[in-house]
Amino acid sequence: MKRREFITLLGGAAAGWPLAAHAQQAVIPVVGLLRTTPAAPFTALVAALGQGLGDEGFVEGRNVALEQRYADNQLDRLPVLAADLVRRQVSVIVGNVGAVDAARAVTTTIPIVFVTGEDPVKTGLVASLNRPEANLTGVTFFGGSTLNAKQLELLREIVPSATVFAVLGDVNYPPFEAQLPDAEVAGRALGRRIVVVRLPGSCRPAPARSWSAAVPSSPANVARWSRWRPAMPFRRSTTNETA
């Protein structure tokens, strides 16, 4: 979705708001920001959102408001946070891909703008890229399985003697399982075996980038690493939360 289309949604909402009974002033539209993550690591993202709105003439506190809701990686909080934004009568909800299901479960009318590194058609977010339909639209970087296959190619170049690649994934990140078949196909094409290591919910202290790969030299090394893993401090990259 282009930025102009998002601004059109927001501007249309602003034009339709009624005059307040007492002050005779238009109620300003509200942008709801919903994320699975904590707030602190993403202050730059919020600033960028504000700058983009400002470029189109929307200034927070003057003619637009921003309501932020963060789940702090506790995904069971998302339905309540999403419902709170709907009660706040936001004009649009902007969220990372992990928050989208919670948002669309509570509204079929409020526009939802997502950012994802996956294929939004394959993951069921939209019907097609040209015609998203329903109330969802957004931006995709088409990482996902394509990017993961490229990572495996890079690993082969870095450690050409490795015969087994371990794929590490967060069991709480739905696209992870969907990407595994593509990873296994890519591994076979490279002449490498793929061993899947699923990270349990207890190893989720950090924001959610859920897909990475290691290069053990043998299946035995994978097994040993898997036994050590629960005791290891684990911190995932946030490059895919993008957003």
Protein backbone atom coordinates (compact mmCIF):
# COMPACT_ATOMS: atom_id res chain seq x y z
CA MET A 1 0.00 0.00 0.00
CA LYS A 2 1.32 3.42 -0.90
CA ARG A 3 1.66 6.15 1.70
CA ARG A 4 -0.78 8.34 -0.23
CA GLU A 5 -3.46 5.66 0.10
CA PHE A 6 -2.94 5.51 3.86
CA ILE A 7 -3.20 9.29 4.12
CA THR A 8 -6.37 9.20 2.02
CA LEU A 9 -7.90 6.77 4.51
CA LEU A 10 -6.91 9.04 7.38
CA GLY A 11 -8.04 12.21 5.66
CA GLY A 12 -11.38 10.68 4.75
CA ALA A 13 -11.92 9.72 8.37
CA ALA A 14 -11.04 13.23 9.48
CA ALA A 15 -13.53 14.77 7.08
CA GLY A 16 -16.32 12.57 8.39
CA TRP A 17 -15.97 13.29 12.09
CA PRO A 18 -18.89 15.29 13.59
CA LEU A 19 -18.53 18.65 15.31
CA ALA A 20 -18.19 18.47 19.07
CA ALA A 21 -21.36 19.59 20.85
CA HIS A 22 -19.73 22.22 23.04
CA ALA A 23 -16.56 23.47 21.41
CA GLN A 24 -17.92 23.27 17.86
CA GLN A 25 -14.56 21.84 16.83
CA ALA A 26 -14.00 18.77 14.70
CA VAL A 27 -12.90 15.71 16.66
CA ILE A 28 -9.48 14.82 15.30
CA PRO A 29 -8.88 11.36 13.80
CA VAL A 30 -6.94 8.83 15.84
CA VAL A 31 -4.24 6.49 14.53
CA GLY A 32 -3.92 3.30 16.59
CA LEU A 33 -0.49 1.65 16.75
CA LEU A 34 -0.60 -1.98 17.85
CA ARG A 35 2.53 -4.07 18.29
CA THR A 36 3.53 -7.40 19.78
CA THR A 37 6.77 -5.88 21.07
CA PRO A 38 7.80 -3.62 23.95
CA ALA A 39 7.76 0.11 23.24
CA ALA A 40 11.34 1.02 24.13
CA PRO A 41 13.21 -0.60 21.19
CA PHE A 42 10.92 1.02 18.63
CA THR A 43 10.89 4.72 19.45
CA ALA A 44 12.53 5.42 16.09
CA LEU A 45 9.68 3.64 14.32
CA VAL A 46 7.11 5.82 16.11
CA ALA A 47 9.11 8.91 15.19
CA ALA A 48 9.15 7.81 11.56
CA LEU A 49 5.38 7.30 11.61
CA GLY A 50 4.96 10.79 13.00
CA GLN A 51 7.25 12.22 10.36
CA GLY A 52 5.34 10.51 7.58
CA LEU A 53 2.06 11.88 8.88
CA GLY A 54 3.65 15.31 9.23
CA ASP A 55 4.79 15.24 5.62
CA GLU A 56 1.13 14.99 4.66
CA GLY A 57 0.00 17.74 7.00
CA PHE A 58 -1.04 15.65 9.99
CA VAL A 59 0.60 16.81 13.22
CA GLU A 60 0.10 14.88 16.43
CA GLY A 61 -1.73 16.94 19.01
CA ARG A 62 -3.03 19.39 16.43
CA ASN A 63 -5.05 17.53 13.81
CA VAL A 64 -4.30 13.87 14.56
CA ALA A 65 -3.82 11.75 17.68
CA LEU A 66 -1.71 8.62 18.13
CA GLU A 67 -2.76 5.85 20.50
CA GLN A 68 -0.05 3.27 21.13
CA ARG A 69 -0.57 -0.24 22.50
CA TYR A 70 2.27 -2.72 23.11
CA ALA A 71 1.93 -6.36 24.16
CA ASP A 72 5.52 -6.61 25.49
CA ASN A 73 5.86 -10.00 23.74
CA GLN A 74 2.91 -11.37 25.73
CA LEU A 75 0.78 -12.39 22.78
CA ASP A 76 -2.25 -13.25 24.90
CA ARG A 77 -2.61 -9.52 25.63
CA LEU A 78 -3.18 -8.62 21.97
CA PRO A 79 -6.96 -9.25 21.83
CA VAL A 80 -7.57 -6.91 24.77
CA LEU A 81 -5.28 -4.23 23.34
CA ALA A 82 -6.92 -4.46 19.93
CA ALA A 83 -10.40 -4.22 21.42
CA ASP A 84 -9.30 -1.17 23.39
CA LEU A 85 -8.28 0.60 20.19
CA VAL A 86 -11.63 -0.21 18.62
CA ARG A 87 -13.44 1.23 21.65
CA ARG A 88 -11.26 4.31 21.27
CA GLN A 89 -12.82 4.62 17.78
CA VAL A 90 -9.52 4.88 15.97
CA SER A 91 -9.64 5.76 12.28
CA VAL A 92 -6.97 3.23 11.31
CA ILE A 93 -4.83 0.59 13.04
CA VAL A 94 -1.15 0.28 12.13
CA GLY A 95 0.57 -2.87 13.35
CA ASN A 96 3.33 -5.36 12.90
CA VAL A 97 2.31 -8.65 11.37
CA GLY A 98 2.00 -10.45 14.70
CA ALA A 99 -0.69 -8.02 15.83
CA VAL A 100 -2.81 -8.21 12.68
CA ASP A 101 -4.85 -11.30 13.60
CA ALA A 102 -5.89 -9.74 16.90
CA ALA A 103 -6.90 -6.52 15.16
CA ARG A 104 -8.95 -8.11 12.40
CA ALA A 105 -10.67 -10.37 14.92
CA VAL A 106 -12.29 -7.35 16.56
CA THR A 107 -13.10 -5.18 13.55
CA THR A 108 -14.07 -5.70 9.94
CA THR A 109 -14.54 -2.00 9.20
CA ILE A 110 -11.56 -0.11 10.60
CA PRO A 111 -8.70 -0.12 8.06
CA ILE A 112 -5.68 -2.14 9.25
CA VAL A 113 -2.24 -1.38 7.80
CA PHE A 114 0.42 -4.02 8.39
CA VAL A 115 4.13 -4.42 7.71
CA THR A 116 5.49 -7.90 7.09
CA GLY A 117 8.56 -9.62 5.77
CA GLU A 118 6.45 -12.55 4.55
CA ASP A 119 4.25 -13.09 1.52
CA PRO A 120 0.90 -11.64 2.72
CA VAL A 121 -1.09 -13.75 0.25
CA LYS A 122 0.56 -17.01 1.28
CA THR A 123 0.08 -16.22 4.98
CA GLY A 124 -3.56 -15.33 4.46
CA LEU A 125 -3.41 -11.63 5.29
CA VAL A 126 -4.84 -10.50 1.95
CA ALA A 127 -6.56 -12.09 -1.03
CA SER A 128 -4.07 -10.73 -3.55
CA LEU A 129 -1.39 -8.07 -3.87
CA ASN A 130 -3.36 -6.04 -6.41
CA ARG A 131 -6.71 -6.31 -4.58
CA PRO A 132 -6.19 -6.94 -0.86
CA GLU A 133 -9.96 -6.76 -0.19
CA ALA A 134 -11.52 -6.80 3.29
CA ASN A 135 -10.10 -4.14 5.63
CA LEU A 136 -6.41 -5.12 5.49
CA THR A 137 -3.64 -3.67 3.40
CA GLY A 138 0.01 -2.91 3.97
CA VAL A 139 3.63 -3.29 3.00
CA THR A 140 5.66 -6.46 2.47
CA PHE A 141 9.41 -6.81 2.06
CA PHE A 142 9.01 -10.36 0.72
CA GLY A 143 11.63 -11.80 3.00
CA GLY A 144 10.22 -15.01 4.36
CA SER A 145 11.07 -18.20 2.52
CA THR A 146 12.95 -16.36 -0.24
CA LEU A 147 15.25 -14.70 2.26
CA ASN A 148 15.68 -17.91 4.23
CA ALA A 149 16.79 -19.80 1.10
CA LYS A 150 19.36 -17.07 0.46
CA GLN A 151 20.61 -17.39 4.04
CA LEU A 152 21.20 -21.10 3.49
CA GLU A 153 23.18 -20.32 0.33
CA LEU A 154 25.33 -17.87 2.27
CA LEU A 155 25.94 -20.46 4.98
CA ARG A 156 27.16 -22.94 2.38
CA GLU A 157 29.57 -20.34 1.06
CA ILE A 158 30.82 -19.48 4.55
CA VAL A 159 31.25 -23.09 5.69
CA PRO A 160 31.37 -25.24 2.55
CA SER A 161 32.36 -28.35 4.52
CA ALA A 162 29.17 -28.32 6.64
CA THR A 163 26.70 -31.05 5.68
CA VAL A 164 23.92 -30.26 8.18
CA PHE A 165 22.20 -26.92 8.70
CA ALA A 166 20.16 -26.32 11.86
CA VAL A 167 17.14 -24.07 11.49
CA LEU A 168 16.15 -22.33 14.73
CA GLY A 169 12.58 -21.12 15.12
CA ASP A 170 10.14 -19.64 17.63
CA VAL A 171 7.14 -21.95 18.07
CA ASN A 172 5.01 -18.90 18.89
CA TYR A 173 5.64 -17.33 15.46
CA PRO A 174 3.05 -18.78 13.04
CA PRO A 175 4.96 -18.19 9.76
CA PHE A 176 7.87 -20.30 11.04
CA GLU A 177 6.17 -23.65 10.41
CA ALA A 178 4.86 -22.44 7.05
CA GLN A 179 8.41 -21.61 5.92
CA LEU A 180 9.96 -24.95 6.88
CA PRO A 181 9.02 -26.87 3.69
CA ASP A 182 10.69 -24.19 1.56
CA ALA A 183 13.79 -24.33 3.76
CA GLU A 184 13.98 -28.10 3.43
CA VAL A 185 13.62 -27.85 -0.35
CA ALA A 186 16.36 -25.22 -0.47
CA GLY A 187 18.57 -27.40 1.72
CA ARG A 188 18.16 -30.41 -0.56
CA ALA A 189 18.94 -28.25 -3.59
CA LEU A 190 22.20 -27.29 -1.89
CA GLY A 191 22.96 -30.90 -0.95
CA ARG A 192 22.56 -30.17 2.77
CA ARG A 193 20.33 -31.75 5.40
CA ILE A 194 18.07 -29.50 7.47
CA VAL A 195 17.57 -30.16 11.19
CA VAL A 196 14.79 -28.15 12.83
CA VAL A 197 15.24 -26.86 16.39
CA ARG A 198 12.09 -25.31 17.85
CA LEU A 199 12.51 -22.79 20.63
CA PRO A 200 9.94 -23.16 23.43
CA GLY A 201 7.93 -20.28 24.84
CA SER A 202 10.23 -20.10 27.87
CA CYS A 203 13.03 -18.85 25.61
CA ARG A 204 11.19 -15.70 24.49
CA PRO A 205 12.76 -12.80 26.44
CA ALA A 206 13.39 -10.63 23.42
CA PRO A 207 11.38 -9.18 20.54
CA ALA A 208 10.49 -11.49 17.86
CA ARG A 209 12.68 -12.27 14.93
CA SER A 210 11.97 -15.96 14.73
CA TRP A 211 14.00 -17.47 11.92
CA SER A 212 17.72 -18.07 11.84
CA ALA A 213 20.18 -20.79 11.00
CA ALA A 214 23.28 -22.39 12.49
CA VAL A 215 25.94 -24.51 10.84
CA PRO A 216 26.91 -27.57 12.88
CA SER A 217 29.28 -30.02 11.28
CA SER A 218 27.34 -33.13 12.27
CA PRO A 219 23.98 -34.30 13.67
CA ALA A 220 25.71 -35.03 16.97
CA ASN A 221 26.62 -31.38 17.34
CA VAL A 222 22.99 -30.43 16.74
CA ALA A 223 21.85 -32.79 19.50
CA ARG A 224 24.42 -31.42 21.96
CA TRP A 225 23.49 -27.83 21.14
CA SER A 226 19.79 -28.64 21.62
CA ARG A 227 20.49 -29.95 25.14
CA TRP A 228 22.44 -26.80 26.10
CA ARG A 229 19.93 -24.38 24.60
CA PRO A 230 17.48 -24.02 27.57
CA ALA A 231 20.29 -22.77 29.80
CA MET A 232 21.65 -20.31 27.25
CA PRO A 233 20.64 -16.63 27.22
CA PHE A 234 18.87 -16.27 23.91
CA ARG A 235 18.29 -12.93 22.22
CA ARG A 236 16.76 -12.75 18.79
CA SER A 237 17.40 -10.15 16.14
CA THR A 238 14.57 -7.65 15.65
CA THR A 239 15.25 -7.06 11.97
CA ASN A 240 12.02 -8.73 10.86
CA GLU A 241 9.79 -6.92 13.34
CA THR A 242 9.61 -4.65 11.66
CA ALA A 243 8.49 -3.61 11.37
